[in-house]
Amino acid sequence: MANVKNANDILIGTGKVYVNTLDVGQIDGDMNFTHGKEYFEKKSGFPAQVVKKVLIGESFKCSFSLLEANLDTLQSLMPEYIKVTETAGAGLGIGGATTTDQTFLLEFWHKRTDGKYRCVRIWKCQIDGDFTMGFKEQADAPIPITVTALVDSTKPVGQQLGVVVDYEASEAPDGGW
């Protein structure tokens, strides 16, 4: 006998990614969010047992792959890469730039099977890790992206890295899809 409380809460499929409310295009494969927690544990006695456990650090990351290698989109995600305009098409300057304190709002919108939308929102984030752009002879080459949240102290306690909220279709970008 199945014990499913609400089949609409089963996550199937992907969604759309928005950076500063702009659609970044098709993502390829999985979208993963990870909230990491770091604890200090005080042990005492013999054998030692945990007598106190305190949360001392948190992280919130997401990883996905962009199917489209659009240079404007990549530059909006990574402002440390300078836009090159020496030709008619936009380019991407790599290397020699200083670090940036610019952040962006990231939203991932997933359409549930009941027509509602689940939005995972990271208030302030930056790209983390290396930038890799591959070229394959007989296959597509999505661009892997990892985003790390920075704390937004203007938000309420417990929501300073991000939120996960369900919305009606009318509240989704462009009225849903």
N, C-alpha and C. Protein backbone atom coordinates (compact mmCIF):
# COMPACT_ATOMS: atom_id res chain seq x y z
N MET A 1 0.85 -1.18 0.00
CA MET A 1 0.00 0.00 0.00
C MET A 1 0.90 1.25 0.00
N ALA A 2 0.62 2.15 -0.92
CA ALA A 2 1.40 3.38 -1.03
C ALA A 2 1.06 4.33 0.11
N ASN A 3 2.06 5.08 0.54
CA ASN A 3 1.86 6.05 1.61
C ASN A 3 2.21 7.46 1.12
N VAL A 4 1.84 7.77 -0.12
CA VAL A 4 2.12 9.08 -0.69
C VAL A 4 1.08 10.06 -0.18
N LYS A 5 1.55 11.11 0.50
CA LYS A 5 0.63 12.11 1.05
C LYS A 5 0.09 13.04 -0.04
N ASN A 6 0.96 13.47 -0.97
CA ASN A 6 0.53 14.35 -2.05
C ASN A 6 1.42 14.09 -3.26
N ALA A 7 0.89 13.42 -4.27
CA ALA A 7 1.67 13.08 -5.46
C ALA A 7 2.20 14.32 -6.18
N ASN A 8 1.54 15.46 -5.99
CA ASN A 8 2.01 16.70 -6.63
C ASN A 8 3.31 17.21 -6.02
N ASP A 9 3.68 16.72 -4.86
CA ASP A 9 4.94 17.10 -4.23
C ASP A 9 6.12 16.25 -4.70
N ILE A 10 5.87 15.28 -5.57
CA ILE A 10 6.95 14.48 -6.15
C ILE A 10 7.58 15.31 -7.27
N LEU A 11 8.88 15.58 -7.15
CA LEU A 11 9.56 16.45 -8.11
C LEU A 11 9.96 15.66 -9.35
N ILE A 12 9.35 16.02 -10.47
CA ILE A 12 9.65 15.39 -11.76
C ILE A 12 9.86 16.50 -12.77
N GLY A 13 10.95 16.43 -13.49
CA GLY A 13 11.22 17.42 -14.52
C GLY A 13 12.13 18.53 -14.02
N THR A 14 12.39 19.46 -14.91
CA THR A 14 13.30 20.55 -14.61
C THR A 14 12.53 21.86 -14.58
N GLY A 15 13.09 22.93 -15.03
CA GLY A 15 12.41 24.22 -15.01
C GLY A 15 13.23 25.27 -15.72
N LYS A 16 13.01 26.52 -15.33
CA LYS A 16 13.70 27.64 -15.95
C LYS A 16 14.51 28.40 -14.91
N VAL A 17 15.67 28.91 -15.34
CA VAL A 17 16.54 29.70 -14.48
C VAL A 17 16.49 31.15 -14.92
N TYR A 18 16.34 32.02 -13.93
CA TYR A 18 16.33 33.46 -14.18
C TYR A 18 17.45 34.10 -13.35
N VAL A 19 18.21 34.99 -13.98
CA VAL A 19 19.24 35.77 -13.31
C VAL A 19 18.81 37.23 -13.39
N ASN A 20 18.61 37.83 -12.21
CA ASN A 20 18.09 39.20 -12.15
C ASN A 20 16.84 39.35 -13.01
N THR A 21 15.96 38.36 -12.92
CA THR A 21 14.65 38.26 -13.60
C THR A 21 14.74 38.01 -15.10
N LEU A 22 15.91 37.79 -15.66
CA LEU A 22 16.06 37.49 -17.09
C LEU A 22 16.29 36.00 -17.29
N ASP A 23 15.53 35.39 -18.21
CA ASP A 23 15.64 33.97 -18.54
C ASP A 23 17.02 33.70 -19.15
N VAL A 24 17.77 32.74 -18.61
CA VAL A 24 19.11 32.44 -19.12
C VAL A 24 19.10 31.45 -20.27
N GLY A 25 17.93 30.93 -20.63
CA GLY A 25 17.84 29.97 -21.73
C GLY A 25 17.73 28.55 -21.20
N GLN A 26 17.81 27.61 -22.11
CA GLN A 26 17.60 26.20 -21.76
C GLN A 26 18.72 25.66 -20.87
N ILE A 27 18.32 25.02 -19.79
CA ILE A 27 19.31 24.29 -18.99
C ILE A 27 19.28 22.84 -19.43
N ASP A 28 20.38 22.15 -19.20
CA ASP A 28 20.52 20.78 -19.67
C ASP A 28 20.75 19.86 -18.48
N GLY A 29 19.92 18.87 -18.33
CA GLY A 29 20.10 17.91 -17.25
C GLY A 29 19.51 18.40 -15.94
N ASP A 30 20.15 18.01 -14.87
CA ASP A 30 19.62 18.23 -13.52
C ASP A 30 19.93 19.62 -12.98
N MET A 31 19.07 20.06 -12.08
CA MET A 31 19.28 21.27 -11.29
C MET A 31 19.35 20.80 -9.85
N ASN A 32 20.43 21.11 -9.17
CA ASN A 32 20.62 20.65 -7.79
C ASN A 32 20.89 21.81 -6.86
N PHE A 33 20.20 21.78 -5.72
CA PHE A 33 20.41 22.75 -4.65
C PHE A 33 20.91 22.01 -3.43
N THR A 34 21.91 22.57 -2.74
CA THR A 34 22.45 21.94 -1.54
C THR A 34 22.61 22.98 -0.44
N HIS A 35 21.95 22.73 0.68
CA HIS A 35 22.13 23.58 1.86
C HIS A 35 23.07 22.82 2.79
N GLY A 36 24.28 23.31 2.93
CA GLY A 36 25.27 22.66 3.78
C GLY A 36 25.27 23.26 5.18
N LYS A 37 25.49 22.40 6.15
CA LYS A 37 25.54 22.85 7.55
C LYS A 37 26.82 22.33 8.19
N GLU A 38 27.47 23.20 8.95
CA GLU A 38 28.70 22.85 9.65
C GLU A 38 28.44 23.01 11.15
N TYR A 39 28.78 21.98 11.91
CA TYR A 39 28.51 21.98 13.35
C TYR A 39 29.80 21.88 14.15
N PHE A 40 29.80 22.48 15.33
CA PHE A 40 30.81 22.23 16.35
C PHE A 40 30.17 21.28 17.34
N GLU A 41 30.87 20.20 17.62
CA GLU A 41 30.37 19.24 18.59
C GLU A 41 31.33 19.15 19.77
N LYS A 42 30.82 19.34 20.96
CA LYS A 42 31.62 19.18 22.18
C LYS A 42 31.34 17.79 22.72
N LYS A 43 32.42 17.03 22.88
CA LYS A 43 32.30 15.68 23.41
C LYS A 43 32.91 15.64 24.80
N SER A 44 32.36 14.77 25.64
CA SER A 44 32.87 14.63 27.00
C SER A 44 32.62 13.20 27.46
N GLY A 45 33.39 12.80 28.47
CA GLY A 45 33.22 11.48 29.06
C GLY A 45 34.11 10.44 28.40
N PHE A 46 34.00 9.21 28.94
CA PHE A 46 34.75 8.09 28.36
C PHE A 46 33.84 6.88 28.29
N PRO A 47 33.48 6.38 27.16
CA PRO A 47 33.88 6.90 25.85
C PRO A 47 33.22 8.25 25.59
N ALA A 48 33.91 9.07 24.80
CA ALA A 48 33.42 10.43 24.53
C ALA A 48 32.08 10.38 23.80
N GLN A 49 31.17 11.23 24.27
CA GLN A 49 29.85 11.35 23.66
C GLN A 49 29.54 12.82 23.45
N VAL A 50 28.74 13.11 22.44
CA VAL A 50 28.37 14.49 22.14
C VAL A 50 27.44 15.00 23.24
N VAL A 51 27.86 16.10 23.90
CA VAL A 51 27.04 16.71 24.94
C VAL A 51 26.47 18.06 24.50
N LYS A 52 27.05 18.61 23.44
CA LYS A 52 26.57 19.90 22.92
C LYS A 52 26.88 19.95 21.42
N LYS A 53 25.92 20.40 20.64
CA LYS A 53 26.10 20.52 19.19
C LYS A 53 25.55 21.87 18.77
N VAL A 54 26.40 22.68 18.10
CA VAL A 54 26.03 24.04 17.74
C VAL A 54 26.31 24.26 16.25
N LEU A 55 25.34 24.83 15.54
CA LEU A 55 25.52 25.20 14.15
C LEU A 55 26.48 26.39 14.07
N ILE A 56 27.61 26.22 13.34
CA ILE A 56 28.61 27.29 13.26
C ILE A 56 28.80 27.82 11.84
N GLY A 57 28.19 27.18 10.86
CA GLY A 57 28.33 27.66 9.49
C GLY A 57 27.30 27.05 8.57
N GLU A 58 26.99 27.79 7.50
CA GLU A 58 26.04 27.33 6.50
C GLU A 58 26.52 27.71 5.11
N SER A 59 26.07 26.95 4.13
CA SER A 59 26.28 27.31 2.73
C SER A 59 25.04 26.89 1.95
N PHE A 60 24.79 27.58 0.86
CA PHE A 60 23.68 27.25 -0.03
C PHE A 60 24.21 27.36 -1.44
N LYS A 61 24.20 26.25 -2.17
CA LYS A 61 24.76 26.22 -3.52
C LYS A 61 23.77 25.58 -4.47
N CYS A 62 23.91 25.92 -5.73
CA CYS A 62 23.16 25.19 -6.75
C CYS A 62 24.09 24.94 -7.93
N SER A 63 23.79 23.86 -8.64
CA SER A 63 24.57 23.52 -9.82
C SER A 63 23.62 23.10 -10.93
N PHE A 64 23.98 23.52 -12.14
CA PHE A 64 23.20 23.19 -13.33
C PHE A 64 24.11 23.39 -14.53
N SER A 65 23.61 23.04 -15.70
CA SER A 65 24.37 23.25 -16.93
C SER A 65 23.53 24.04 -17.91
N LEU A 66 24.15 25.03 -18.53
CA LEU A 66 23.51 25.81 -19.58
C LEU A 66 23.69 25.08 -20.90
N LEU A 67 22.59 24.84 -21.60
CA LEU A 67 22.70 24.21 -22.91
C LEU A 67 23.26 25.19 -23.93
N GLU A 68 22.88 26.46 -23.78
CA GLU A 68 23.29 27.49 -24.73
C GLU A 68 24.48 28.28 -24.20
N ALA A 69 25.52 28.42 -25.01
CA ALA A 69 26.71 29.17 -24.61
C ALA A 69 26.60 30.62 -25.10
N ASN A 70 25.55 31.30 -24.67
CA ASN A 70 25.31 32.68 -25.04
C ASN A 70 26.27 33.58 -24.25
N LEU A 71 27.08 34.36 -24.95
CA LEU A 71 28.11 35.16 -24.28
C LEU A 71 27.54 36.24 -23.39
N ASP A 72 26.42 36.86 -23.77
CA ASP A 72 25.80 37.86 -22.90
C ASP A 72 25.32 37.24 -21.60
N THR A 73 24.74 36.05 -21.69
CA THR A 73 24.28 35.34 -20.48
C THR A 73 25.46 34.99 -19.59
N LEU A 74 26.52 34.46 -20.18
CA LEU A 74 27.70 34.10 -19.40
C LEU A 74 28.30 35.32 -18.71
N GLN A 75 28.36 36.45 -19.40
CA GLN A 75 28.93 37.66 -18.81
C GLN A 75 28.04 38.18 -17.68
N SER A 76 26.71 37.99 -17.79
CA SER A 76 25.83 38.43 -16.70
C SER A 76 26.01 37.57 -15.45
N LEU A 77 26.38 36.31 -15.65
CA LEU A 77 26.64 35.41 -14.53
C LEU A 77 28.02 35.66 -13.91
N MET A 78 28.96 36.07 -14.73
CA MET A 78 30.35 36.22 -14.29
C MET A 78 30.87 37.61 -14.64
N PRO A 79 30.52 38.62 -13.84
CA PRO A 79 30.91 40.00 -14.18
C PRO A 79 32.42 40.24 -14.16
N GLU A 80 33.19 39.30 -13.64
CA GLU A 80 34.64 39.48 -13.69
C GLU A 80 35.18 39.28 -15.11
N TYR A 81 34.37 38.70 -15.99
CA TYR A 81 34.72 38.57 -17.40
C TYR A 81 34.18 39.80 -18.13
N ILE A 82 35.06 40.55 -18.73
CA ILE A 82 34.72 41.81 -19.36
C ILE A 82 34.14 41.56 -20.75
N LYS A 83 33.12 42.34 -21.12
CA LYS A 83 32.53 42.22 -22.45
C LYS A 83 33.49 42.82 -23.48
N VAL A 84 33.76 42.07 -24.55
CA VAL A 84 34.63 42.51 -25.63
C VAL A 84 33.73 42.93 -26.79
N THR A 85 33.94 44.13 -27.32
CA THR A 85 33.08 44.65 -28.40
C THR A 85 33.88 45.04 -29.63
N GLU A 86 34.99 44.36 -29.89
CA GLU A 86 35.82 44.74 -31.03
C GLU A 86 35.25 44.28 -32.37
N THR A 87 34.28 43.37 -32.34
CA THR A 87 33.61 42.94 -33.58
C THR A 87 32.12 43.17 -33.42
N ALA A 88 31.37 42.88 -34.47
CA ALA A 88 29.92 43.10 -34.44
C ALA A 88 29.24 42.26 -33.36
N GLY A 89 29.73 41.06 -33.13
CA GLY A 89 29.17 40.20 -32.09
C GLY A 89 29.83 40.46 -30.75
N ALA A 90 29.13 40.19 -29.68
CA ALA A 90 29.71 40.37 -28.35
C ALA A 90 30.73 39.27 -28.08
N GLY A 91 31.76 39.59 -27.29
CA GLY A 91 32.77 38.62 -26.91
C GLY A 91 32.93 38.57 -25.42
N LEU A 92 33.85 37.77 -24.93
CA LEU A 92 34.06 37.60 -23.50
C LEU A 92 35.56 37.65 -23.23
N GLY A 93 36.00 38.66 -22.49
CA GLY A 93 37.41 38.78 -22.13
C GLY A 93 37.69 37.93 -20.90
N ILE A 94 38.76 37.14 -20.93
CA ILE A 94 39.05 36.21 -19.84
C ILE A 94 40.45 36.49 -19.29
N GLY A 95 40.52 36.67 -17.99
CA GLY A 95 41.80 36.76 -17.31
C GLY A 95 42.30 38.17 -17.09
N GLY A 96 42.98 38.36 -15.96
CA GLY A 96 43.59 39.63 -15.64
C GLY A 96 42.68 40.62 -14.95
N ALA A 97 41.43 40.28 -14.80
CA ALA A 97 40.50 41.18 -14.13
C ALA A 97 40.61 41.00 -12.62
N THR A 98 40.16 41.99 -11.91
CA THR A 98 40.13 41.88 -10.45
C THR A 98 38.88 41.13 -10.04
N THR A 99 38.83 40.72 -8.80
CA THR A 99 37.63 40.08 -8.31
C THR A 99 36.51 41.10 -8.24
N THR A 100 35.30 40.62 -8.18
CA THR A 100 34.15 41.52 -8.16
C THR A 100 33.30 41.26 -6.93
N ASP A 101 32.65 42.31 -6.47
CA ASP A 101 31.71 42.14 -5.36
C ASP A 101 30.27 42.14 -5.87
N GLN A 102 30.10 42.13 -7.20
CA GLN A 102 28.77 42.11 -7.78
C GLN A 102 28.10 40.76 -7.53
N THR A 103 26.85 40.80 -7.20
CA THR A 103 26.07 39.59 -6.99
C THR A 103 24.83 39.65 -7.89
N PHE A 104 24.13 38.53 -7.99
CA PHE A 104 22.90 38.52 -8.76
C PHE A 104 21.84 37.68 -8.04
N LEU A 105 20.59 37.96 -8.37
CA LEU A 105 19.45 37.19 -7.88
C LEU A 105 19.27 36.01 -8.81
N LEU A 106 19.20 34.80 -8.26
CA LEU A 106 18.94 33.60 -9.06
C LEU A 106 17.62 33.00 -8.64
N GLU A 107 16.77 32.72 -9.62
CA GLU A 107 15.49 32.05 -9.37
C GLU A 107 15.39 30.84 -10.28
N PHE A 108 14.97 29.73 -9.71
CA PHE A 108 14.67 28.53 -10.49
C PHE A 108 13.19 28.25 -10.32
N TRP A 109 12.46 28.21 -11.43
CA TRP A 109 11.02 27.98 -11.42
C TRP A 109 10.74 26.60 -12.00
N HIS A 110 10.07 25.77 -11.23
CA HIS A 110 9.73 24.40 -11.61
C HIS A 110 8.21 24.26 -11.65
N LYS A 111 7.68 23.77 -12.77
CA LYS A 111 6.23 23.57 -12.88
C LYS A 111 5.88 22.21 -12.28
N ARG A 112 5.03 22.25 -11.26
CA ARG A 112 4.57 21.02 -10.60
C ARG A 112 3.50 20.35 -11.46
N THR A 113 3.21 19.10 -11.16
CA THR A 113 2.21 18.36 -11.93
C THR A 113 0.79 18.86 -11.70
N ASP A 114 0.56 19.66 -10.64
CA ASP A 114 -0.77 20.21 -10.39
C ASP A 114 -0.94 21.61 -10.98
N GLY A 115 0.05 22.06 -11.79
CA GLY A 115 -0.04 23.36 -12.44
C GLY A 115 0.51 24.52 -11.62
N LYS A 116 0.82 24.27 -10.33
CA LYS A 116 1.45 25.31 -9.52
C LYS A 116 2.94 25.33 -9.84
N TYR A 117 3.63 26.35 -9.32
CA TYR A 117 5.05 26.50 -9.57
C TYR A 117 5.80 26.57 -8.25
N ARG A 118 6.93 25.89 -8.20
CA ARG A 118 7.82 25.97 -7.04
C ARG A 118 9.02 26.80 -7.46
N CYS A 119 9.32 27.82 -6.68
CA CYS A 119 10.43 28.71 -6.97
C CYS A 119 11.48 28.59 -5.87
N VAL A 120 12.72 28.32 -6.27
CA VAL A 120 13.85 28.38 -5.36
C VAL A 120 14.58 29.67 -5.70
N ARG A 121 14.69 30.55 -4.70
CA ARG A 121 15.25 31.89 -4.92
C ARG A 121 16.48 32.07 -4.04
N ILE A 122 17.58 32.46 -4.66
CA ILE A 122 18.80 32.82 -3.93
C ILE A 122 18.98 34.32 -4.10
N TRP A 123 18.96 35.04 -2.99
CA TRP A 123 18.95 36.50 -3.02
C TRP A 123 20.22 37.10 -3.63
N LYS A 124 21.36 36.69 -3.11
CA LYS A 124 22.64 37.25 -3.55
C LYS A 124 23.57 36.08 -3.82
N CYS A 125 24.04 35.95 -5.05
CA CYS A 125 24.95 34.84 -5.32
C CYS A 125 26.00 35.23 -6.35
N GLN A 126 27.00 34.38 -6.41
CA GLN A 126 28.10 34.53 -7.37
C GLN A 126 28.45 33.14 -7.90
N ILE A 127 29.05 33.12 -9.08
CA ILE A 127 29.53 31.87 -9.66
C ILE A 127 30.70 31.38 -8.83
N ASP A 128 30.76 30.08 -8.62
CA ASP A 128 31.81 29.46 -7.82
C ASP A 128 32.59 28.49 -8.71
N GLY A 129 33.86 28.36 -8.47
CA GLY A 129 34.67 27.37 -9.18
C GLY A 129 35.16 27.84 -10.53
N ASP A 130 35.65 26.89 -11.30
CA ASP A 130 36.24 27.16 -12.60
C ASP A 130 35.18 27.35 -13.68
N PHE A 131 35.55 28.05 -14.74
CA PHE A 131 34.70 28.22 -15.92
C PHE A 131 35.20 27.27 -16.99
N THR A 132 34.32 26.40 -17.47
CA THR A 132 34.69 25.41 -18.49
C THR A 132 33.75 25.53 -19.68
N MET A 133 34.34 25.73 -20.88
CA MET A 133 33.55 25.72 -22.11
C MET A 133 34.17 24.66 -23.02
N GLY A 134 33.44 23.58 -23.23
CA GLY A 134 33.95 22.48 -24.05
C GLY A 134 33.38 22.53 -25.46
N PHE A 135 34.07 21.88 -26.36
CA PHE A 135 33.61 21.72 -27.74
C PHE A 135 33.78 20.25 -28.09
N LYS A 136 32.69 19.60 -28.50
CA LYS A 136 32.72 18.18 -28.82
C LYS A 136 32.38 17.98 -30.28
N GLU A 137 33.03 17.03 -30.91
CA GLU A 137 32.84 16.81 -32.33
C GLU A 137 31.44 16.27 -32.66
N GLN A 138 30.92 15.36 -31.83
CA GLN A 138 29.66 14.72 -32.19
C GLN A 138 28.62 14.78 -31.07
N ALA A 139 28.70 15.80 -30.23
CA ALA A 139 27.72 15.93 -29.15
C ALA A 139 27.65 17.39 -28.71
N ASP A 140 26.58 17.71 -28.03
CA ASP A 140 26.49 19.05 -27.46
C ASP A 140 27.43 19.16 -26.27
N ALA A 141 27.74 20.37 -25.86
CA ALA A 141 28.69 20.59 -24.76
C ALA A 141 28.13 21.65 -23.80
N PRO A 142 27.19 21.24 -22.93
CA PRO A 142 26.63 22.20 -21.97
C PRO A 142 27.71 22.79 -21.07
N ILE A 143 27.44 24.00 -20.57
CA ILE A 143 28.40 24.69 -19.71
C ILE A 143 27.99 24.49 -18.25
N PRO A 144 28.84 23.81 -17.46
CA PRO A 144 28.51 23.59 -16.05
C PRO A 144 28.63 24.88 -15.24
N ILE A 145 27.63 25.12 -14.41
CA ILE A 145 27.59 26.33 -13.58
C ILE A 145 27.36 25.91 -12.13
N THR A 146 28.14 26.46 -11.22
CA THR A 146 27.91 26.29 -9.78
C THR A 146 27.80 27.68 -9.17
N VAL A 147 26.74 27.88 -8.41
CA VAL A 147 26.44 29.17 -7.80
C VAL A 147 26.49 29.02 -6.29
N THR A 148 27.11 29.98 -5.61
CA THR A 148 27.17 30.01 -4.15
C THR A 148 26.42 31.23 -3.65
N ALA A 149 25.57 31.02 -2.64
CA ALA A 149 24.82 32.12 -2.05
C ALA A 149 25.69 32.89 -1.07
N LEU A 150 25.52 34.20 -1.07
CA LEU A 150 26.11 35.07 -0.06
C LEU A 150 24.97 35.53 0.84
N VAL A 151 25.25 35.77 2.09
CA VAL A 151 24.20 36.16 3.02
C VAL A 151 23.64 37.54 2.66
N ASP A 152 22.33 37.66 2.74
CA ASP A 152 21.66 38.95 2.56
C ASP A 152 21.03 39.33 3.89
N SER A 153 21.74 40.15 4.66
CA SER A 153 21.31 40.48 6.01
C SER A 153 20.09 41.40 6.04
N THR A 154 19.62 41.87 4.86
CA THR A 154 18.39 42.65 4.84
C THR A 154 17.15 41.75 4.91
N LYS A 155 17.34 40.46 4.73
CA LYS A 155 16.22 39.50 4.77
C LYS A 155 16.04 39.00 6.20
N PRO A 156 14.85 38.48 6.53
CA PRO A 156 14.60 37.97 7.89
C PRO A 156 15.51 36.79 8.23
N VAL A 157 15.79 36.63 9.51
CA VAL A 157 16.56 35.48 9.98
C VAL A 157 15.87 34.21 9.52
N GLY A 158 16.66 33.26 9.05
CA GLY A 158 16.12 32.01 8.53
C GLY A 158 15.81 32.06 7.04
N GLN A 159 15.97 33.26 6.43
CA GLN A 159 15.74 33.42 4.99
C GLN A 159 16.86 34.20 4.33
N GLN A 160 18.01 34.32 4.98
CA GLN A 160 19.06 35.20 4.50
C GLN A 160 19.88 34.63 3.35
N LEU A 161 19.79 33.33 3.09
CA LEU A 161 20.46 32.75 1.93
C LEU A 161 19.49 32.58 0.77
N GLY A 162 18.25 32.22 1.07
CA GLY A 162 17.26 32.03 0.02
C GLY A 162 15.97 31.48 0.58
N VAL A 163 15.03 31.20 -0.31
CA VAL A 163 13.72 30.66 0.07
C VAL A 163 13.26 29.67 -0.99
N VAL A 164 12.32 28.80 -0.61
CA VAL A 164 11.62 27.90 -1.52
C VAL A 164 10.14 28.16 -1.30
N VAL A 165 9.43 28.59 -2.35
CA VAL A 165 8.04 29.00 -2.21
C VAL A 165 7.22 28.42 -3.37
N ASP A 166 5.99 27.98 -3.09
CA ASP A 166 5.06 27.54 -4.12
C ASP A 166 4.16 28.71 -4.52
N TYR A 167 3.92 28.83 -5.83
CA TYR A 167 3.11 29.92 -6.38
C TYR A 167 2.04 29.37 -7.31
N GLU A 168 0.99 30.15 -7.50
CA GLU A 168 -0.02 29.86 -8.52
C GLU A 168 0.59 30.22 -9.89
N ALA A 169 0.04 29.66 -10.97
CA ALA A 169 0.56 29.91 -12.30
C ALA A 169 0.57 31.40 -12.65
N SER A 170 -0.43 32.14 -12.19
CA SER A 170 -0.50 33.57 -12.50
C SER A 170 0.64 34.35 -11.88
N GLU A 171 1.29 33.80 -10.86
CA GLU A 171 2.40 34.48 -10.19
C GLU A 171 3.76 34.10 -10.76
N ALA A 172 3.80 33.11 -11.64
CA ALA A 172 5.05 32.67 -12.26
C ALA A 172 5.47 33.66 -13.34
N PRO A 173 6.75 33.69 -13.71
CA PRO A 173 7.18 34.61 -14.78
C PRO A 173 6.36 34.39 -16.04
N ASP A 174 5.97 35.46 -16.66
CA ASP A 174 5.18 35.43 -17.90
C ASP A 174 3.87 34.66 -17.75
N GLY A 175 3.35 34.55 -16.52
CA GLY A 175 2.09 33.85 -16.29
C GLY A 175 2.20 32.33 -16.36
N GLY A 176 3.43 31.82 -16.32
CA GLY A 176 3.65 30.37 -16.39
C GLY A 176 3.86 29.89 -17.82
N TRP A 177 4.02 28.59 -17.97
CA TRP A 177 4.22 27.99 -19.29
C TRP A 177 3.57 26.63 -19.36
